[in-house]
């Protein structure tokens, strides 16, 4: 029984990660498609207005949170070290 629940947990984590990476890929694809328009409309003659600051904040904050959301977080000091045995007792 425990083998089946462990396999189901791994399966769920795998597909959760797949959906997260698929969402990030679509988001980055859309970001790159609209980058030319952004450069033309906002960076060529940038005028700091409330609307332009809100647009850029929304665009880059969303991109940042999407990338951070799929970045793995180390759970132990051994993962941080390139030579994992340094932190072992």
PDB file of N, CA and C in Angstrom:
ATOM      1  N   UNK A   1       0.802  -1.189   0.000  1.00  0.00           N
ATOM      2  CA  UNK A   1       0.000   0.000   0.000  1.00  0.00           C
ATOM      3  C   UNK A   1       0.851   1.261   0.000  1.00  0.00           C
ATOM      4  N   UNK A   2       1.917   1.266   0.791  1.00  0.00           N
ATOM      5  CA  UNK A   2       2.736   2.469   0.876  1.00  0.00           C
ATOM      6  C   UNK A   2       3.455   2.747  -0.436  1.00  0.00           C
ATOM      7  N   UNK A   3       3.789   1.689  -1.184  1.00  0.00           N
ATOM      8  CA  UNK A   3       4.441   1.900  -2.467  1.00  0.00           C
ATOM      9  C   UNK A   3       3.510   2.605  -3.442  1.00  0.00           C
ATOM     10  N   UNK A   4       2.230   2.236  -3.413  1.00  0.00           N
ATOM     11  CA  UNK A   4       1.260   2.844  -4.302  1.00  0.00           C
ATOM     12  C   UNK A   4       1.045   4.315  -3.956  1.00  0.00           C
ATOM     13  N   UNK A   5       0.946   4.661  -2.678  1.00  0.00           N
ATOM     14  CA  UNK A   5       0.739   6.058  -2.295  1.00  0.00           C
ATOM     15  C   UNK A   5       1.982   6.890  -2.581  1.00  0.00           C
ATOM     16  N   UNK A   6       3.149   6.289  -2.422  1.00  0.00           N
ATOM     17  CA  UNK A   6       4.390   7.002  -2.752  1.00  0.00           C
ATOM     18  C   UNK A   6       4.470   7.258  -4.248  1.00  0.00           C
ATOM     19  N   UNK A   7       4.092   6.278  -5.041  1.00  0.00           N
ATOM     20  CA  UNK A   7       4.099   6.449  -6.495  1.00  0.00           C
ATOM     21  C   UNK A   7       3.080   7.509  -6.907  1.00  0.00           C
ATOM     22  N   UNK A   8       1.936   7.530  -6.280  1.00  0.00           N
ATOM     23  CA  UNK A   8       0.928   8.537  -6.597  1.00  0.00           C
ATOM     24  C   UNK A   8       1.412   9.937  -6.226  1.00  0.00           C
ATOM     25  N   UNK A   9       2.128  10.062  -5.122  1.00  0.00           N
ATOM     26  CA  UNK A   9       2.660  11.362  -4.716  1.00  0.00           C
ATOM     27  C   UNK A   9       3.704  11.851  -5.712  1.00  0.00           C
ATOM     28  N   UNK A  10       4.583  10.956  -6.135  1.00  0.00           N
ATOM     29  CA  UNK A  10       5.604  11.322  -7.123  1.00  0.00           C
ATOM     30  C   UNK A  10       4.939  11.698  -8.438  1.00  0.00           C
ATOM     31  N   UNK A  11       3.923  10.940  -8.831  1.00  0.00           N
ATOM     32  CA  UNK A  11       3.174  11.222 -10.046  1.00  0.00           C
ATOM     33  C   UNK A  11       2.517  12.601  -9.968  1.00  0.00           C
ATOM     34  N   UNK A  12       1.912  12.920  -8.839  1.00  0.00           N
ATOM     35  CA  UNK A  12       1.250  14.218  -8.659  1.00  0.00           C
ATOM     36  C   UNK A  12       2.260  15.360  -8.704  1.00  0.00           C
ATOM     37  N   UNK A  13       3.399  15.183  -8.063  1.00  0.00           N
ATOM     38  CA  UNK A  13       4.433  16.227  -8.071  1.00  0.00           C
ATOM     39  C   UNK A  13       4.979  16.426  -9.482  1.00  0.00           C
ATOM     40  N   UNK A  14       5.192  15.315 -10.195  1.00  0.00           N
ATOM     41  CA  UNK A  14       5.710  15.400 -11.562  1.00  0.00           C
ATOM     42  C   UNK A  14       4.762  16.205 -12.448  1.00  0.00           C
ATOM     43  N   UNK A  15       3.466  15.877 -12.408  1.00  0.00           N
ATOM     44  CA  UNK A  15       2.522  16.583 -13.268  1.00  0.00           C
ATOM     45  C   UNK A  15       2.279  18.008 -12.793  1.00  0.00           C
ATOM     46  N   UNK A  16       2.404  18.253 -11.525  1.00  0.00           N
ATOM     47  CA  UNK A  16       2.316  19.621 -11.028  1.00  0.00           C
ATOM     48  C   UNK A  16       3.467  20.452 -11.589  1.00  0.00           C
ATOM     49  N   UNK A  17       4.660  19.875 -11.578  1.00  0.00           N
ATOM     50  CA  UNK A  17       5.809  20.570 -12.151  1.00  0.00           C
ATOM     51  C   UNK A  17       5.649  20.769 -13.655  1.00  0.00           C
ATOM     52  N   UNK A  18       5.104  19.764 -14.339  1.00  0.00           N
ATOM     53  CA  UNK A  18       4.890  19.894 -15.785  1.00  0.00           C
ATOM     54  C   UNK A  18       3.950  21.051 -16.101  1.00  0.00           C
ATOM     55  N   UNK A  19       2.862  21.162 -15.335  1.00  0.00           N
ATOM     56  CA  UNK A  19       1.925  22.268 -15.554  1.00  0.00           C
ATOM     57  C   UNK A  19       2.572  23.609 -15.246  1.00  0.00           C
ATOM     58  N   UNK A  20       3.399  23.658 -14.219  1.00  0.00           N
ATOM     59  CA  UNK A  20       4.074  24.911 -13.867  1.00  0.00           C
ATOM     60  C   UNK A  20       5.029  25.333 -14.976  1.00  0.00           C
ATOM     61  N   UNK A  21       5.801  24.386 -15.508  1.00  0.00           N
ATOM     62  CA  UNK A  21       6.733  24.708 -16.596  1.00  0.00           C
ATOM     63  C   UNK A  21       5.996  25.053 -17.881  1.00  0.00           C
ATOM     64  N   UNK A  22       4.882  24.389 -18.146  1.00  0.00           N
ATOM     65  CA  UNK A  22       4.092  24.712 -19.337  1.00  0.00           C
ATOM     66  C   UNK A  22       3.520  26.125 -19.228  1.00  0.00           C
ATOM     67  N   UNK A  23       3.028  26.479 -18.051  1.00  0.00           N
ATOM     68  CA  UNK A  23       2.513  27.835 -17.855  1.00  0.00           C
ATOM     69  C   UNK A  23       3.598  28.885 -18.000  1.00  0.00           C
ATOM     70  N   UNK A  24       4.767  28.601 -17.438  1.00  0.00           N
ATOM     71  CA  UNK A  24       5.886  29.543 -17.575  1.00  0.00           C
ATOM     72  C   UNK A  24       6.297  29.680 -19.035  1.00  0.00           C
ATOM     73  N   UNK A  25       6.320  28.578 -19.762  1.00  0.00           N
ATOM     74  CA  UNK A  25       6.701  28.619 -21.178  1.00  0.00           C
ATOM     75  C   UNK A  25       5.726  29.472 -21.980  1.00  0.00           C
ATOM     76  N   UNK A  26       4.441  29.286 -21.750  1.00  0.00           N
ATOM     77  CA  UNK A  26       3.453  30.110 -22.457  1.00  0.00           C
ATOM     78  C   UNK A  26       3.573  31.580 -22.075  1.00  0.00           C
ATOM     79  N   UNK A  27       3.812  31.842 -20.798  1.00  0.00           N
ATOM     80  CA  UNK A  27       3.944  33.222 -20.351  1.00  0.00           C
ATOM     81  C   UNK A  27       5.169  33.888 -20.987  1.00  0.00           C
ATOM     82  N   UNK A  28       6.305  33.199 -21.004  1.00  0.00           N
ATOM     83  CA  UNK A  28       7.520  33.761 -21.601  1.00  0.00           C
ATOM     84  C   UNK A  28       7.343  33.932 -23.109  1.00  0.00           C
ATOM     85  N   UNK A  29       6.650  32.990 -23.748  1.00  0.00           N
ATOM     86  CA  UNK A  29       6.384  33.111 -25.180  1.00  0.00           C
ATOM     87  C   UNK A  29       5.570  34.375 -25.459  1.00  0.00           C
ATOM     88  N   UNK A  30       4.524  34.597 -24.696  1.00  0.00           N
ATOM     89  CA  UNK A  30       3.722  35.804 -24.854  1.00  0.00           C
ATOM     90  C   UNK A  30       4.542  37.053 -24.553  1.00  0.00           C
ATOM     91  N   UNK A  31       5.392  36.973 -23.530  1.00  0.00           N
ATOM     92  CA  UNK A  31       6.248  38.099 -23.170  1.00  0.00           C
ATOM     93  C   UNK A  31       7.174  38.469 -24.333  1.00  0.00           C
ATOM     94  N   UNK A  32       7.770  37.456 -24.954  1.00  0.00           N
ATOM     95  CA  UNK A  32       8.687  37.718 -26.062  1.00  0.00           C
ATOM     96  C   UNK A  32       7.954  38.212 -27.307  1.00  0.00           C
ATOM     97  N   UNK A  33       6.729  37.722 -27.537  1.00  0.00           N
ATOM     98  CA  UNK A  33       5.957  38.189 -28.689  1.00  0.00           C
ATOM     99  C   UNK A  33       5.600  39.661 -28.580  1.00  0.00           C
ATOM    100  N   UNK A  34       5.325  40.134 -27.391  1.00  0.00           N
ATOM    101  CA  UNK A  34       4.901  41.525 -27.212  1.00  0.00           C
ATOM    102  C   UNK A  34       6.051  42.454 -26.838  1.00  0.00           C
ATOM    103  N   UNK A  35       7.270  41.945 -26.788  1.00  0.00           N
ATOM    104  CA  UNK A  35       8.416  42.771 -26.413  1.00  0.00           C
ATOM    105  C   UNK A  35       8.658  43.893 -27.417  1.00  0.00           C
ATOM    106  N   UNK A  36       8.497  43.621 -28.706  1.00  0.00           N
ATOM    107  CA  UNK A  36       8.687  44.657 -29.727  1.00  0.00           C
ATOM    108  C   UNK A  36       7.721  45.815 -29.552  1.00  0.00           C
ATOM    109  N   UNK A  37       6.476  45.500 -29.266  1.00  0.00           N
ATOM    110  CA  UNK A  37       5.487  46.565 -29.030  1.00  0.00           C
ATOM    111  C   UNK A  37       5.821  47.345 -27.769  1.00  0.00           C
ATOM    112  N   UNK A  38       6.286  46.645 -26.751  1.00  0.00           N
ATOM    113  CA  UNK A  38       6.654  47.330 -25.514  1.00  0.00           C
ATOM    114  C   UNK A  38       7.798  48.311 -25.753  1.00  0.00           C
ATOM    115  N   UNK A  39       8.801  47.880 -26.494  1.00  0.00           N
ATOM    116  CA  UNK A  39       9.937  48.763 -26.773  1.00  0.00           C
ATOM    117  C   UNK A  39       9.468  49.986 -27.553  1.00  0.00           C
ATOM    118  N   UNK A  40       8.626  49.776 -28.555  1.00  0.00           N
ATOM    119  CA  UNK A  40       8.133  50.891 -29.362  1.00  0.00           C
ATOM    120  C   UNK A  40       7.281  51.859 -28.543  1.00  0.00           C
ATOM    121  N   UNK A  41       6.396  51.320 -27.719  1.00  0.00           N
ATOM    122  CA  UNK A  41       5.442  52.183 -27.020  1.00  0.00           C
ATOM    123  C   UNK A  41       5.986  52.792 -25.737  1.00  0.00           C
ATOM    124  N   UNK A  42       6.871  52.085 -25.039  1.00  0.00           N
ATOM    125  CA  UNK A  42       7.274  52.561 -23.713  1.00  0.00           C
ATOM    126  C   UNK A  42       8.730  52.985 -23.614  1.00  0.00           C
ATOM    127  N   UNK A  43       9.613  52.357 -24.329  1.00  0.00           N
ATOM    128  CA  UNK A  43      11.028  52.645 -24.118  1.00  0.00           C
ATOM    129  C   UNK A  43      11.602  53.658 -25.098  1.00  0.00           C
ATOM    130  N   UNK A  44      10.970  53.838 -26.265  1.00  0.00           N
ATOM    131  CA  UNK A  44      11.502  54.806 -27.228  1.00  0.00           C
ATOM    132  C   UNK A  44      11.347  56.234 -26.700  1.00  0.00           C
ATOM    133  N   UNK A  45      10.171  56.578 -26.227  1.00  0.00           N
ATOM    134  CA  UNK A  45       9.921  57.892 -25.642  1.00  0.00           C
ATOM    135  C   UNK A  45       9.245  57.679 -24.305  1.00  0.00           C
ATOM    136  N   UNK A  46      10.000  57.263 -23.336  1.00  0.00           N
ATOM    137  CA  UNK A  46       9.416  56.934 -22.039  1.00  0.00           C
ATOM    138  C   UNK A  46       9.020  58.200 -21.300  1.00  0.00           C
ATOM    139  N   UNK A  47       7.743  58.271 -20.978  1.00  0.00           N
ATOM    140  CA  UNK A  47       7.221  59.341 -20.144  1.00  0.00           C
ATOM    141  C   UNK A  47       6.631  58.663 -18.913  1.00  0.00           C
ATOM    142  N   UNK A  48       7.138  59.049 -17.781  1.00  0.00           N
ATOM    143  CA  UNK A  48       6.673  58.422 -16.543  1.00  0.00           C
ATOM    144  C   UNK A  48       5.287  58.939 -16.191  1.00  0.00           C
ATOM    145  N   UNK A  49       4.294  58.114 -16.451  1.00  0.00           N
ATOM    146  CA  UNK A  49       2.934  58.429 -16.038  1.00  0.00           C
ATOM    147  C   UNK A  49       2.438  57.272 -15.186  1.00  0.00           C
ATOM    148  N   UNK A  50       1.344  57.466 -14.543  1.00  0.00           N
ATOM    149  CA  UNK A  50       0.802  56.413 -13.698  1.00  0.00           C
ATOM    150  C   UNK A  50       0.481  55.155 -14.490  1.00  0.00           C
ATOM    151  N   UNK A  51      -0.060  55.328 -15.690  1.00  0.00           N
ATOM    152  CA  UNK A  51      -0.433  54.177 -16.515  1.00  0.00           C
ATOM    153  C   UNK A  51       0.793  53.405 -16.987  1.00  0.00           C
ATOM    154  N   UNK A  52       1.832  54.116 -17.415  1.00  0.00           N
ATOM    155  CA  UNK A  52       3.020  53.415 -17.906  1.00  0.00           C
ATOM    156  C   UNK A  52       3.762  52.706 -16.776  1.00  0.00           C
ATOM    157  N   UNK A  53       3.837  53.333 -15.620  1.00  0.00           N
ATOM    158  CA  UNK A  53       4.499  52.686 -14.476  1.00  0.00           C
ATOM    159  C   UNK A  53       3.706  51.470 -14.025  1.00  0.00           C
ATOM    160  N   UNK A  54       2.392  51.575 -14.000  1.00  0.00           N
ATOM    161  CA  UNK A  54       1.550  50.433 -13.625  1.00  0.00           C
ATOM    162  C   UNK A  54       1.692  49.294 -14.630  1.00  0.00           C
ATOM    163  N   UNK A  55       1.734  49.621 -15.922  1.00  0.00           N
ATOM    164  CA  UNK A  55       1.913  48.597 -16.945  1.00  0.00           C
ATOM    165  C   UNK A  55       3.242  47.874 -16.780  1.00  0.00           C
ATOM    166  N   UNK A  56       4.327  48.625 -16.639  1.00  0.00           N
ATOM    167  CA  UNK A  56       5.648  47.993 -16.523  1.00  0.00           C
ATOM    168  C   UNK A  56       5.786  47.209 -15.221  1.00  0.00           C
ATOM    169  N   UNK A  57       5.240  47.731 -14.138  1.00  0.00           N
ATOM    170  CA  UNK A  57       5.269  47.022 -12.869  1.00  0.00           C
ATOM    171  C   UNK A  57       4.512  45.701 -12.987  1.00  0.00           C
ATOM    172  N   UNK A  58       3.343  45.743 -13.592  1.00  0.00           N
ATOM    173  CA  UNK A  58       2.542  44.538 -13.767  1.00  0.00           C
ATOM    174  C   UNK A  58       3.244  43.531 -14.676  1.00  0.00           C
ATOM    175  N   UNK A  59       3.860  44.008 -15.722  1.00  0.00           N
ATOM    176  CA  UNK A  59       4.518  43.119 -16.689  1.00  0.00           C
ATOM    177  C   UNK A  59       5.731  42.424 -16.072  1.00  0.00           C
ATOM    178  N   UNK A  60       6.580  43.169 -15.406  1.00  0.00           N
ATOM    179  CA  UNK A  60       7.820  42.573 -14.903  1.00  0.00           C
ATOM    180  C   UNK A  60       7.637  41.897 -13.552  1.00  0.00           C
ATOM    181  N   UNK A  61       6.710  42.338 -12.737  1.00  0.00           N
ATOM    182  CA  UNK A  61       6.434  41.639 -11.487  1.00  0.00           C
ATOM    183  C   UNK A  61       5.836  40.263 -11.766  1.00  0.00           C
ATOM    184  N   UNK A  62       4.943  40.186 -12.734  1.00  0.00           N
ATOM    185  CA  UNK A  62       4.352  38.906 -13.104  1.00  0.00           C
ATOM    186  C   UNK A  62       5.405  37.957 -13.655  1.00  0.00           C
ATOM    187  N   UNK A  63       6.293  38.450 -14.508  1.00  0.00           N
ATOM    188  CA  UNK A  63       7.360  37.609 -15.041  1.00  0.00           C
ATOM    189  C   UNK A  63       8.261  37.110 -13.920  1.00  0.00           C
ATOM    190  N   UNK A  64       8.606  37.979 -12.995  1.00  0.00           N
ATOM    191  CA  UNK A  64       9.474  37.596 -11.877  1.00  0.00           C
ATOM    192  C   UNK A  64       8.824  36.534 -11.007  1.00  0.00           C
ATOM    193  N   UNK A  65       7.556  36.698 -10.688  1.00  0.00           N
ATOM    194  CA  UNK A  65       6.890  35.709  -9.840  1.00  0.00           C
ATOM    195  C   UNK A  65       6.728  34.380 -10.552  1.00  0.00           C
ATOM    196  N   UNK A  66       6.538  34.387 -11.862  1.00  0.00           N
ATOM    197  CA  UNK A  66       6.441  33.131 -12.609  1.00  0.00           C
ATOM    198  C   UNK A  66       7.767  32.382 -12.587  1.00  0.00           C
ATOM    199  N   UNK A  67       8.869  33.098 -12.773  1.00  0.00           N
ATOM    200  CA  UNK A  67      10.184  32.453 -12.778  1.00  0.00           C
ATOM    201  C   UNK A  67      10.543  31.951 -11.382  1.00  0.00           C
ATOM    202  N   UNK A  68      10.284  32.760 -10.353  1.00  0.00           N
ATOM    203  CA  UNK A  68      10.583  32.347  -8.983  1.00  0.00           C
ATOM    204  C   UNK A  68       9.701  31.170  -8.572  1.00  0.00           C
ATOM    205  N   UNK A  69       8.483  31.108  -9.094  1.00  0.00           N
ATOM    206  CA  UNK A  69       7.565  30.039  -8.752  1.00  0.00           C
ATOM    207  C   UNK A  69       8.029  28.664  -9.192  1.00  0.00           C
ATOM    208  N   UNK A  70       8.791  28.577 -10.258  1.00  0.00           N
ATOM    209  CA  UNK A  70       9.269  27.272 -10.727  1.00  0.00           C
ATOM    210  C   UNK A  70      10.718  27.012 -10.335  1.00  0.00           C
ATOM    211  N   UNK A  71      11.350  27.959  -9.670  1.00  0.00           N
ATOM    212  CA  UNK A  71      12.726  27.770  -9.226  1.00  0.00           C
ATOM    213  C   UNK A  71      12.736  26.859  -8.005  1.00  0.00           C
ATOM    214  N   UNK A  72      13.509  25.776  -8.060  1.00  0.00           N
ATOM    215  CA  UNK A  72      13.529  24.875  -6.901  1.00  0.00           C
ATOM    216  C   UNK A  72      14.202  25.530  -5.695  1.00  0.00           C
ATOM    217  N   UNK A  73      13.659  25.264  -4.523  1.00  0.00           N
ATOM    218  CA  UNK A  73      14.189  25.800  -3.281  1.00  0.00           C
ATOM    219  C   UNK A  73      14.926  24.683  -2.558  1.00  0.00           C
ATOM    220  N   UNK A  74      16.207  24.864  -2.241  1.00  0.00           N
ATOM    221  CA  UNK A  74      16.932  23.799  -1.546  1.00  0.00           C
ATOM    222  C   UNK A  74      16.365  23.577  -0.152  1.00  0.00           C
ATOM    223  N   UNK A  75      16.312  22.316   0.255  1.00  0.00           N
ATOM    224  CA  UNK A  75      15.722  21.987   1.549  1.00  0.00           C
ATOM    225  C   UNK A  75      16.765  21.660   2.606  1.00  0.00           C
ATOM    226  N   UNK A  76      18.023  21.570   2.204  1.00  0.00           N
ATOM    227  CA  UNK A  76      19.057  21.271   3.180  1.00  0.00           C
ATOM    228  C   UNK A  76      20.361  21.948   2.761  1.00  0.00           C
ATOM    229  N   UNK A  77      21.283  22.162   3.697  1.00  0.00           N
ATOM    230  CA  UNK A  77      22.561  22.792   3.348  1.00  0.00           C
ATOM    231  C   UNK A  77      23.393  21.953   2.385  1.00  0.00           C
ATOM    232  N   UNK A  78      23.187  20.638   2.370  1.00  0.00           N
ATOM    233  CA  UNK A  78      23.960  19.791   1.463  1.00  0.00           C
ATOM    234  C   UNK A  78      23.649  20.110   0.007  1.00  0.00           C
ATOM    235  N   UNK A  79      22.429  20.535  -0.258  1.00  0.00           N
ATOM    236  CA  UNK A  79      22.030  20.855  -1.618  1.00  0.00           C
ATOM    237  C   UNK A  79      22.724  22.130  -2.086  1.00  0.00           C
ATOM    238  N   UNK A  80      22.984  23.034  -1.175  1.00  0.00           N
ATOM    239  CA  UNK A  80      23.616  24.306  -1.523  1.00  0.00           C
ATOM    240  C   UNK A  80      25.084  24.133  -1.898  1.00  0.00           C
ATOM    241  N   UNK A  81      25.742  23.147  -1.339  1.00  0.00           N
ATOM    242  CA  UNK A  81      27.171  22.956  -1.562  1.00  0.00           C
ATOM    243  C   UNK A  81      27.411  22.132  -2.824  1.00  0.00           C
ATOM    244  N   UNK A  82      28.346  22.558  -3.684  1.00  0.00           N
ATOM    245  CA  UNK A  82      28.676  21.727  -4.837  1.00  0.00           C
ATOM    246  C   UNK A  82      29.304  20.405  -4.399  1.00  0.00           C
ATOM    247  N   UNK A  83      29.953  20.408  -3.248  1.00  0.00           N
ATOM    248  CA  UNK A  83      30.516  19.186  -2.672  1.00  0.00           C
ATOM    249  C   UNK A  83      29.702  18.864  -1.434  1.00  0.00           C
ATOM    250  N   UNK A  84      28.663  18.061  -1.586  1.00  0.00           N
ATOM    251  CA  UNK A  84      27.686  17.839  -0.549  1.00  0.00           C
ATOM    252  C   UNK A  84      28.238  17.306   0.756  1.00  0.00           C
ATOM    253  N   UNK A  85      29.396  16.664   0.721  1.00  0.00           N
ATOM    254  CA  UNK A  85      29.930  16.041   1.945  1.00  0.00           C
ATOM    255  C   UNK A  85      30.564  17.037   2.883  1.00  0.00           C
ATOM    256  N   UNK A  86      30.701  18.298   2.517  1.00  0.00           N
ATOM    257  CA  UNK A  86      31.319  19.293   3.392  1.00  0.00           C
ATOM    258  C   UNK A  86      30.510  19.485   4.656  1.00  0.00           C
ATOM    259  N   UNK A  87      29.173  19.466   4.534  1.00  0.00           N
ATOM    260  CA  UNK A  87      28.313  19.735   5.678  1.00  0.00           C
ATOM    261  C   UNK A  87      27.927  18.483   6.463  1.00  0.00           C
ATOM    262  N   UNK A  88      28.385  17.344   6.031  1.00  0.00           N
ATOM    263  CA  UNK A  88      28.022  16.108   6.742  1.00  0.00           C
ATOM    264  C   UNK A  88      28.762  16.024   8.061  1.00  0.00           C
ATOM    265  N   UNK A  89      28.126  15.384   9.050  1.00  0.00           N
ATOM    266  CA  UNK A  89      28.753  15.210  10.364  1.00  0.00           C
ATOM    267  C   UNK A  89      29.795  14.114  10.340  1.00  0.00           C
TER     268      UNK A  89
END
